[in-house]
Amino acid sequence: MPVFDDLLNANRSYQAGFELAGLEATAAKGLAVLTCMDSRIEPLQMLGLRPGDAKILRNAGARVTDDVLRTLVLAVNLLGVDRIAVVAHTDCRMTKTTDDALRDELRPRYPNTDLDKWDFLTVDDQPTVLRGDVERIVLCDLIPDEVVIGAFVYDVNSGELRLVDERDAR
């Protein structure tokens, strides 16, 4: 059986009951959510949202990378976003290691690759890093002043979402 048959078969079932046709591209609730790729996080359910309510961005550690910032600029300027939630979480693998440790772990698998040029954006102090990532959004010249940005931590064991910081873009 080909590797992706399970996905294609599941998609056929999904397609049979598809109800999202005609959904607007803008964020109905004016919200963009950046969170971690951790599979224990269900962004829509966690926030009481439905498809179409928010723009969802995910990466390892919920970090504000150049690409995340580019996407947020487009979301606030073109897709109706006026609130941004940056949601880190408890028990995150990115808080339990360092870039050097990750490079050492990967080195045996990639002996001919210069891993020293890779920045994995590990998180040594989650509240400080989270506030710094929010600050990066706040300082972006292409994020309008009226955008409100919130920093949150989601508890993967209880489902609780805790507000850490809330700020206007400028």
N, C-alpha and C. Protein backbone atom coordinates (compact mmCIF):
# COMPACT_ATOMS: atom_id res chain seq x y z
N MET A 1 0.84 -1.17 0.00
CA MET A 1 0.00 0.00 0.00
C MET A 1 0.89 1.24 0.00
N PRO A 2 0.62 2.21 -0.88
CA PRO A 2 1.40 3.45 -0.87
C PRO A 2 1.31 4.16 0.49
N VAL A 3 2.34 4.89 0.81
CA VAL A 3 2.50 5.49 2.12
C VAL A 3 1.36 6.44 2.51
N PHE A 4 0.79 7.17 1.56
CA PHE A 4 -0.22 8.17 1.89
C PHE A 4 -1.66 7.73 1.60
N ASP A 5 -1.87 6.45 1.35
CA ASP A 5 -3.23 5.97 1.07
C ASP A 5 -4.19 6.25 2.23
N ASP A 6 -3.72 6.12 3.46
CA ASP A 6 -4.59 6.39 4.60
C ASP A 6 -5.11 7.82 4.57
N LEU A 7 -4.23 8.75 4.19
CA LEU A 7 -4.64 10.16 4.13
C LEU A 7 -5.62 10.40 2.99
N LEU A 8 -5.33 9.83 1.84
CA LEU A 8 -6.22 10.01 0.69
C LEU A 8 -7.58 9.38 0.94
N ASN A 9 -7.61 8.23 1.58
CA ASN A 9 -8.89 7.59 1.91
C ASN A 9 -9.67 8.42 2.93
N ALA A 10 -8.98 8.92 3.93
CA ALA A 10 -9.65 9.77 4.92
C ALA A 10 -10.18 11.04 4.26
N ASN A 11 -9.43 11.57 3.31
CA ASN A 11 -9.88 12.79 2.63
C ASN A 11 -11.15 12.53 1.81
N ARG A 12 -11.27 11.35 1.24
CA ARG A 12 -12.49 11.05 0.48
C ARG A 12 -13.71 11.10 1.41
N SER A 13 -13.58 10.59 2.61
CA SER A 13 -14.67 10.67 3.59
C SER A 13 -14.94 12.11 3.98
N TYR A 14 -13.87 12.86 4.19
CA TYR A 14 -14.00 14.28 4.54
C TYR A 14 -14.72 15.04 3.42
N GLN A 15 -14.30 14.78 2.21
CA GLN A 15 -14.88 15.46 1.05
C GLN A 15 -16.37 15.17 0.92
N ALA A 16 -16.78 13.96 1.24
CA ALA A 16 -18.18 13.58 1.13
C ALA A 16 -19.08 14.43 2.02
N GLY A 17 -18.57 14.87 3.16
CA GLY A 17 -19.36 15.69 4.07
C GLY A 17 -18.86 17.12 4.16
N PHE A 18 -18.12 17.57 3.15
CA PHE A 18 -17.48 18.89 3.18
C PHE A 18 -18.50 20.02 3.29
N GLU A 19 -18.32 20.90 4.29
CA GLU A 19 -19.27 21.99 4.54
C GLU A 19 -18.63 23.37 4.56
N LEU A 20 -17.38 23.48 4.15
CA LEU A 20 -16.69 24.77 4.26
C LEU A 20 -16.65 25.55 2.95
N ALA A 21 -17.31 25.06 1.92
CA ALA A 21 -17.32 25.77 0.64
C ALA A 21 -17.93 27.16 0.85
N GLY A 22 -17.31 28.15 0.26
CA GLY A 22 -17.82 29.52 0.34
C GLY A 22 -17.35 30.29 1.56
N LEU A 23 -16.58 29.67 2.42
CA LEU A 23 -16.06 30.34 3.61
C LEU A 23 -15.14 31.48 3.17
N GLU A 24 -15.27 32.63 3.79
CA GLU A 24 -14.44 33.78 3.46
C GLU A 24 -12.99 33.55 3.86
N ALA A 25 -12.06 34.18 3.14
CA ALA A 25 -10.64 34.05 3.45
C ALA A 25 -10.22 34.91 4.65
N THR A 26 -11.01 35.92 4.97
CA THR A 26 -10.68 36.76 6.13
C THR A 26 -10.95 36.00 7.42
N ALA A 27 -10.32 36.47 8.49
CA ALA A 27 -10.52 35.86 9.81
C ALA A 27 -11.78 36.44 10.44
N ALA A 28 -12.84 35.65 10.53
CA ALA A 28 -14.14 36.14 11.00
C ALA A 28 -14.08 36.77 12.39
N LYS A 29 -13.20 36.27 13.26
CA LYS A 29 -13.06 36.82 14.61
C LYS A 29 -11.89 37.79 14.71
N GLY A 30 -11.27 38.12 13.56
CA GLY A 30 -10.17 39.07 13.56
C GLY A 30 -8.93 38.58 14.30
N LEU A 31 -8.74 37.28 14.37
CA LEU A 31 -7.70 36.70 15.21
C LEU A 31 -6.70 35.89 14.40
N ALA A 32 -5.43 36.05 14.76
CA ALA A 32 -4.38 35.15 14.29
C ALA A 32 -3.78 34.49 15.52
N VAL A 33 -3.53 33.19 15.43
CA VAL A 33 -2.98 32.43 16.54
C VAL A 33 -1.69 31.77 16.08
N LEU A 34 -0.61 32.06 16.80
CA LEU A 34 0.65 31.36 16.59
C LEU A 34 0.82 30.41 17.76
N THR A 35 0.96 29.13 17.46
CA THR A 35 1.18 28.16 18.52
C THR A 35 2.18 27.11 18.04
N CYS A 36 2.50 26.21 18.91
CA CYS A 36 3.48 25.16 18.62
C CYS A 36 2.86 24.07 17.75
N MET A 37 3.73 23.32 17.09
CA MET A 37 3.27 22.20 16.26
C MET A 37 2.90 20.98 17.08
N ASP A 38 3.07 21.03 18.38
CA ASP A 38 2.78 19.90 19.26
C ASP A 38 1.37 19.38 18.99
N SER A 39 1.26 18.08 18.77
CA SER A 39 -0.03 17.47 18.41
C SER A 39 -1.03 17.44 19.57
N ARG A 40 -0.61 17.80 20.76
CA ARG A 40 -1.54 17.86 21.89
C ARG A 40 -2.34 19.16 21.91
N ILE A 41 -2.02 20.06 21.00
CA ILE A 41 -2.70 21.36 20.95
C ILE A 41 -3.71 21.36 19.81
N GLU A 42 -4.96 21.66 20.14
CA GLU A 42 -6.03 21.80 19.15
C GLU A 42 -6.46 23.27 19.16
N PRO A 43 -5.84 24.10 18.33
CA PRO A 43 -6.06 25.55 18.44
C PRO A 43 -7.52 25.99 18.36
N LEU A 44 -8.29 25.47 17.43
CA LEU A 44 -9.67 25.92 17.31
C LEU A 44 -10.49 25.51 18.54
N GLN A 45 -10.39 24.27 18.93
CA GLN A 45 -11.15 23.79 20.08
C GLN A 45 -10.71 24.47 21.37
N MET A 46 -9.41 24.66 21.52
CA MET A 46 -8.86 25.28 22.72
C MET A 46 -9.44 26.68 22.95
N LEU A 47 -9.74 27.38 21.86
CA LEU A 47 -10.20 28.76 21.95
C LEU A 47 -11.68 28.93 21.63
N GLY A 48 -12.40 27.83 21.46
CA GLY A 48 -13.82 27.91 21.16
C GLY A 48 -14.10 28.49 19.79
N LEU A 49 -13.23 28.19 18.84
CA LEU A 49 -13.35 28.73 17.49
C LEU A 49 -13.82 27.67 16.51
N ARG A 50 -14.24 28.15 15.35
CA ARG A 50 -14.64 27.28 14.24
C ARG A 50 -13.80 27.63 13.02
N PRO A 51 -13.76 26.74 12.02
CA PRO A 51 -13.04 27.07 10.79
C PRO A 51 -13.51 28.41 10.24
N GLY A 52 -12.56 29.23 9.84
CA GLY A 52 -12.87 30.56 9.32
C GLY A 52 -12.77 31.67 10.34
N ASP A 53 -12.74 31.32 11.63
CA ASP A 53 -12.68 32.35 12.67
C ASP A 53 -11.31 32.99 12.80
N ALA A 54 -10.24 32.22 12.55
CA ALA A 54 -8.88 32.71 12.82
C ALA A 54 -7.88 32.15 11.83
N LYS A 55 -6.77 32.84 11.72
CA LYS A 55 -5.61 32.35 10.97
C LYS A 55 -4.74 31.61 11.97
N ILE A 56 -4.40 30.38 11.66
CA ILE A 56 -3.62 29.54 12.57
C ILE A 56 -2.23 29.32 11.99
N LEU A 57 -1.21 29.66 12.77
CA LEU A 57 0.18 29.45 12.37
C LEU A 57 0.82 28.53 13.40
N ARG A 58 1.64 27.60 12.94
CA ARG A 58 2.25 26.66 13.87
C ARG A 58 3.70 26.42 13.48
N ASN A 59 4.55 26.32 14.50
CA ASN A 59 5.94 25.90 14.29
C ASN A 59 6.49 25.37 15.62
N ALA A 60 7.68 24.84 15.58
CA ALA A 60 8.30 24.29 16.79
C ALA A 60 8.55 25.41 17.79
N GLY A 61 7.90 25.34 18.93
CA GLY A 61 8.11 26.31 20.00
C GLY A 61 7.27 27.57 19.92
N ALA A 62 6.39 27.68 18.91
CA ALA A 62 5.55 28.88 18.73
C ALA A 62 6.41 30.14 18.64
N ARG A 63 7.48 30.07 17.86
CA ARG A 63 8.43 31.18 17.77
C ARG A 63 8.08 32.15 16.64
N VAL A 64 8.32 33.44 16.89
CA VAL A 64 8.10 34.46 15.88
C VAL A 64 9.34 34.53 14.99
N THR A 65 9.31 33.72 13.96
CA THR A 65 10.40 33.68 12.97
C THR A 65 10.13 34.72 11.90
N ASP A 66 11.08 34.90 10.99
CA ASP A 66 10.87 35.82 9.87
C ASP A 66 9.62 35.44 9.08
N ASP A 67 9.42 34.15 8.84
CA ASP A 67 8.26 33.73 8.05
C ASP A 67 6.95 33.95 8.81
N VAL A 68 6.95 33.73 10.11
CA VAL A 68 5.76 34.01 10.91
C VAL A 68 5.45 35.50 10.85
N LEU A 69 6.46 36.33 11.00
CA LEU A 69 6.25 37.78 10.95
C LEU A 69 5.70 38.20 9.59
N ARG A 70 6.24 37.64 8.51
CA ARG A 70 5.73 37.92 7.16
C ARG A 70 4.26 37.54 7.07
N THR A 71 3.91 36.39 7.59
CA THR A 71 2.53 35.92 7.53
C THR A 71 1.61 36.81 8.37
N LEU A 72 2.07 37.23 9.53
CA LEU A 72 1.25 38.12 10.37
C LEU A 72 1.05 39.48 9.70
N VAL A 73 2.07 39.99 9.05
CA VAL A 73 1.94 41.27 8.32
C VAL A 73 0.84 41.15 7.27
N LEU A 74 0.84 40.06 6.53
CA LEU A 74 -0.19 39.85 5.52
C LEU A 74 -1.56 39.66 6.16
N ALA A 75 -1.62 38.93 7.26
CA ALA A 75 -2.89 38.68 7.93
C ALA A 75 -3.53 39.96 8.46
N VAL A 76 -2.73 40.85 9.06
CA VAL A 76 -3.30 42.08 9.62
C VAL A 76 -3.61 43.12 8.55
N ASN A 77 -2.89 43.08 7.46
CA ASN A 77 -3.11 44.08 6.42
C ASN A 77 -4.07 43.64 5.33
N LEU A 78 -4.26 42.34 5.14
CA LEU A 78 -5.09 41.86 4.04
C LEU A 78 -6.24 40.94 4.43
N LEU A 79 -6.18 40.36 5.63
CA LEU A 79 -7.14 39.30 5.95
C LEU A 79 -7.93 39.54 7.22
N GLY A 80 -8.06 40.80 7.62
CA GLY A 80 -8.97 41.15 8.71
C GLY A 80 -8.51 40.86 10.11
N VAL A 81 -7.24 40.60 10.32
CA VAL A 81 -6.75 40.29 11.66
C VAL A 81 -6.44 41.58 12.42
N ASP A 82 -6.99 41.70 13.64
CA ASP A 82 -6.68 42.84 14.50
C ASP A 82 -6.25 42.41 15.91
N ARG A 83 -6.15 41.09 16.11
CA ARG A 83 -5.64 40.52 17.36
C ARG A 83 -4.72 39.36 17.02
N ILE A 84 -3.62 39.28 17.76
CA ILE A 84 -2.67 38.19 17.56
C ILE A 84 -2.43 37.53 18.92
N ALA A 85 -2.61 36.21 18.96
CA ALA A 85 -2.34 35.44 20.17
C ALA A 85 -1.12 34.55 19.91
N VAL A 86 -0.08 34.74 20.71
CA VAL A 86 1.10 33.88 20.64
C VAL A 86 0.97 32.91 21.81
N VAL A 87 0.81 31.62 21.49
CA VAL A 87 0.48 30.63 22.50
C VAL A 87 1.58 29.58 22.62
N ALA A 88 2.38 29.71 23.66
CA ALA A 88 3.37 28.68 24.00
C ALA A 88 2.63 27.62 24.82
N HIS A 89 3.34 26.59 25.25
CA HIS A 89 2.66 25.57 26.05
C HIS A 89 3.62 24.90 27.03
N THR A 90 3.02 24.26 28.03
CA THR A 90 3.79 23.51 29.00
C THR A 90 4.33 22.24 28.35
N ASP A 91 5.37 21.69 28.94
CA ASP A 91 5.95 20.42 28.50
C ASP A 91 6.40 20.47 27.03
N CYS A 92 6.91 21.60 26.61
CA CYS A 92 7.37 21.78 25.22
C CYS A 92 8.80 21.24 25.08
N ARG A 93 9.02 20.44 24.09
CA ARG A 93 10.36 19.86 23.84
C ARG A 93 11.40 20.95 23.63
N MET A 94 10.99 22.08 23.05
CA MET A 94 11.93 23.17 22.77
C MET A 94 12.42 23.86 24.03
N THR A 95 11.74 23.62 25.17
CA THR A 95 12.18 24.20 26.45
C THR A 95 13.08 23.24 27.22
N LYS A 96 13.26 22.05 26.70
CA LYS A 96 14.00 21.01 27.42
C LYS A 96 15.35 20.70 26.80
N THR A 97 15.82 21.56 25.92
CA THR A 97 17.08 21.32 25.24
C THR A 97 17.71 22.65 24.85
N THR A 98 18.85 22.57 24.22
CA THR A 98 19.52 23.75 23.70
C THR A 98 19.82 23.52 22.22
N ASP A 99 20.14 24.59 21.51
CA ASP A 99 20.53 24.43 20.11
C ASP A 99 21.75 23.52 19.99
N ASP A 100 22.72 23.70 20.88
CA ASP A 100 23.93 22.85 20.83
C ASP A 100 23.58 21.39 21.06
N ALA A 101 22.71 21.10 22.00
CA ALA A 101 22.32 19.72 22.27
C ALA A 101 21.60 19.11 21.07
N LEU A 102 20.75 19.90 20.41
CA LEU A 102 20.07 19.40 19.22
C LEU A 102 21.06 19.12 18.09
N ARG A 103 22.03 20.02 17.94
CA ARG A 103 23.05 19.79 16.91
C ARG A 103 23.82 18.50 17.20
N ASP A 104 24.17 18.29 18.47
CA ASP A 104 24.89 17.06 18.85
C ASP A 104 24.02 15.82 18.59
N GLU A 105 22.74 15.93 18.85
CA GLU A 105 21.83 14.80 18.63
C GLU A 105 21.71 14.48 17.13
N LEU A 106 21.73 15.50 16.30
CA LEU A 106 21.56 15.31 14.86
C LEU A 106 22.85 14.97 14.12
N ARG A 107 23.98 15.32 14.72
CA ARG A 107 25.27 15.13 14.05
C ARG A 107 25.51 13.71 13.54
N PRO A 108 25.22 12.65 14.31
CA PRO A 108 25.43 11.29 13.80
C PRO A 108 24.58 10.98 12.55
N ARG A 109 23.40 11.57 12.47
CA ARG A 109 22.54 11.33 11.31
C ARG A 109 22.99 12.11 10.08
N TYR A 110 23.65 13.23 10.31
CA TYR A 110 24.05 14.13 9.21
C TYR A 110 25.52 14.50 9.35
N PRO A 111 26.41 13.54 9.24
CA PRO A 111 27.84 13.80 9.49
C PRO A 111 28.48 14.74 8.47
N ASN A 112 27.89 14.88 7.30
CA ASN A 112 28.47 15.74 6.25
C ASN A 112 27.77 17.09 6.15
N THR A 113 26.99 17.44 7.15
CA THR A 113 26.25 18.70 7.14
C THR A 113 26.80 19.62 8.22
N ASP A 114 26.94 20.90 7.89
CA ASP A 114 27.38 21.90 8.86
C ASP A 114 26.19 22.31 9.73
N LEU A 115 26.00 21.60 10.81
CA LEU A 115 24.87 21.87 11.69
C LEU A 115 25.04 23.15 12.51
N ASP A 116 26.25 23.67 12.58
CA ASP A 116 26.49 24.89 13.36
C ASP A 116 25.78 26.09 12.76
N LYS A 117 25.41 26.02 11.50
CA LYS A 117 24.70 27.15 10.88
C LYS A 117 23.19 27.11 11.14
N TRP A 118 22.71 26.01 11.74
CA TRP A 118 21.29 25.88 12.04
C TRP A 118 20.95 26.50 13.39
N ASP A 119 19.92 27.34 13.39
CA ASP A 119 19.40 27.93 14.62
C ASP A 119 18.03 27.32 14.87
N PHE A 120 17.91 26.49 15.89
CA PHE A 120 16.66 25.78 16.14
C PHE A 120 15.70 26.56 17.05
N LEU A 121 16.15 27.71 17.55
CA LEU A 121 15.31 28.58 18.37
C LEU A 121 14.74 27.88 19.60
N THR A 122 15.60 27.16 20.30
CA THR A 122 15.17 26.55 21.55
C THR A 122 14.84 27.65 22.56
N VAL A 123 14.17 27.26 23.62
CA VAL A 123 13.61 28.22 24.57
C VAL A 123 14.20 27.95 25.95
N ASP A 124 15.11 28.81 26.40
CA ASP A 124 15.74 28.59 27.70
C ASP A 124 14.93 29.16 28.87
N ASP A 125 14.14 30.19 28.61
CA ASP A 125 13.31 30.83 29.63
C ASP A 125 12.00 31.21 28.96
N GLN A 126 11.00 30.34 29.08
CA GLN A 126 9.78 30.51 28.29
C GLN A 126 9.10 31.86 28.45
N PRO A 127 8.88 32.37 29.66
CA PRO A 127 8.22 33.69 29.77
C PRO A 127 9.03 34.81 29.09
N THR A 128 10.34 34.79 29.26
CA THR A 128 11.18 35.83 28.66
C THR A 128 11.18 35.71 27.14
N VAL A 129 11.33 34.51 26.63
CA VAL A 129 11.33 34.31 25.18
C VAL A 129 9.97 34.67 24.59
N LEU A 130 8.91 34.29 25.26
CA LEU A 130 7.56 34.61 24.80
C LEU A 130 7.35 36.12 24.72
N ARG A 131 7.76 36.82 25.76
CA ARG A 131 7.64 38.29 25.74
C ARG A 131 8.52 38.91 24.65
N GLY A 132 9.70 38.35 24.44
CA GLY A 132 10.58 38.83 23.38
C GLY A 132 9.98 38.62 22.00
N ASP A 133 9.33 37.48 21.79
CA ASP A 133 8.67 37.23 20.51
C ASP A 133 7.51 38.20 20.29
N VAL A 134 6.74 38.47 21.34
CA VAL A 134 5.67 39.46 21.24
C VAL A 134 6.26 40.83 20.91
N GLU A 135 7.34 41.17 21.56
CA GLU A 135 8.00 42.46 21.30
C GLU A 135 8.43 42.58 19.84
N ARG A 136 8.86 41.48 19.24
CA ARG A 136 9.24 41.50 17.83
C ARG A 136 8.04 41.88 16.95
N ILE A 137 6.87 41.37 17.30
CA ILE A 137 5.66 41.74 16.56
C ILE A 137 5.33 43.21 16.79
N VAL A 138 5.38 43.63 18.06
CA VAL A 138 5.08 45.01 18.42
C VAL A 138 5.96 46.00 17.65
N LEU A 139 7.22 45.66 17.51
CA LEU A 139 8.18 46.57 16.87
C LEU A 139 8.15 46.53 15.35
N CYS A 140 7.40 45.63 14.77
CA CYS A 140 7.34 45.52 13.31
C CYS A 140 6.61 46.72 12.71
N ASP A 141 7.26 47.43 11.83
CA ASP A 141 6.69 48.63 11.20
C ASP A 141 5.44 48.34 10.37
N LEU A 142 5.24 47.09 9.96
CA LEU A 142 4.12 46.75 9.10
C LEU A 142 2.94 46.15 9.86
N ILE A 143 3.02 46.16 11.17
CA ILE A 143 1.89 45.75 12.02
C ILE A 143 1.26 47.04 12.53
N PRO A 144 0.00 47.31 12.16
CA PRO A 144 -0.64 48.57 12.57
C PRO A 144 -0.72 48.75 14.09
N ASP A 145 -0.72 50.00 14.50
CA ASP A 145 -0.73 50.34 15.93
C ASP A 145 -1.90 49.76 16.70
N GLU A 146 -3.05 49.64 16.05
CA GLU A 146 -4.25 49.20 16.76
C GLU A 146 -4.33 47.68 16.98
N VAL A 147 -3.41 46.93 16.44
CA VAL A 147 -3.40 45.48 16.65
C VAL A 147 -3.04 45.17 18.09
N VAL A 148 -3.80 44.30 18.72
CA VAL A 148 -3.54 43.88 20.10
C VAL A 148 -2.88 42.50 20.05
N ILE A 149 -1.83 42.36 20.83
CA ILE A 149 -1.06 41.12 20.83
C ILE A 149 -1.06 40.54 22.24
N GLY A 150 -1.39 39.27 22.34
CA GLY A 150 -1.40 38.61 23.64
C GLY A 150 -0.43 37.45 23.66
N ALA A 151 0.25 37.29 24.77
CA ALA A 151 1.14 36.15 24.99
C ALA A 151 0.45 35.23 25.99
N PHE A 152 0.40 33.95 25.66
CA PHE A 152 -0.32 32.97 26.46
C PHE A 152 0.54 31.72 26.65
N VAL A 153 0.22 30.97 27.71
CA VAL A 153 0.78 29.63 27.88
C VAL A 153 -0.40 28.68 28.07
N TYR A 154 -0.41 27.63 27.27
CA TYR A 154 -1.44 26.60 27.30
C TYR A 154 -0.90 25.39 28.08
N ASP A 155 -1.68 24.90 29.02
CA ASP A 155 -1.28 23.74 29.81
C ASP A 155 -1.79 22.48 29.12
N VAL A 156 -0.87 21.66 28.61
CA VAL A 156 -1.26 20.47 27.85
C VAL A 156 -1.86 19.38 28.74
N ASN A 157 -1.74 19.52 30.05
CA ASN A 157 -2.30 18.51 30.95
C ASN A 157 -3.67 18.88 31.50
N SER A 158 -4.01 20.16 31.50
CA SER A 158 -5.31 20.57 32.04
C SER A 158 -6.20 21.27 31.02
N GLY A 159 -5.61 21.76 29.92
CA GLY A 159 -6.38 22.51 28.93
C GLY A 159 -6.49 24.00 29.26
N GLU A 160 -5.92 24.43 30.39
CA GLU A 160 -6.00 25.84 30.80
C GLU A 160 -5.13 26.72 29.91
N LEU A 161 -5.67 27.88 29.54
CA LEU A 161 -4.94 28.90 28.80
C LEU A 161 -4.74 30.09 29.74
N ARG A 162 -3.48 30.48 29.92
CA ARG A 162 -3.16 31.57 30.84
C ARG A 162 -2.57 32.75 30.08
N LEU A 163 -3.14 33.94 30.28
CA LEU A 163 -2.61 35.16 29.67
C LEU A 163 -1.36 35.59 30.42
N VAL A 164 -0.26 35.80 29.68
CA VAL A 164 1.01 36.21 30.27
C VAL A 164 1.23 37.71 30.07
N ASP A 165 0.81 38.22 28.91
CA ASP A 165 1.09 39.62 28.55
C ASP A 165 0.11 40.05 27.47
N GLU A 166 -0.34 41.30 27.54
CA GLU A 166 -1.21 41.84 26.49
C GLU A 166 -0.74 43.24 26.16
N ARG A 167 -0.54 43.52 24.85
CA ARG A 167 -0.06 44.84 24.45
C ARG A 167 -0.65 45.25 23.11
N ASP A 168 -0.75 46.56 22.93
CA ASP A 168 -1.04 47.11 21.60
C ASP A 168 0.23 47.08 20.80
N ALA A 169 0.10 47.09 19.48
CA ALA A 169 1.27 47.01 18.63
C ALA A 169 2.26 48.14 18.93
N ARG A 170 1.78 49.33 19.18
CA ARG A 170 2.69 50.43 19.53
C ARG A 170 2.03 51.37 20.51
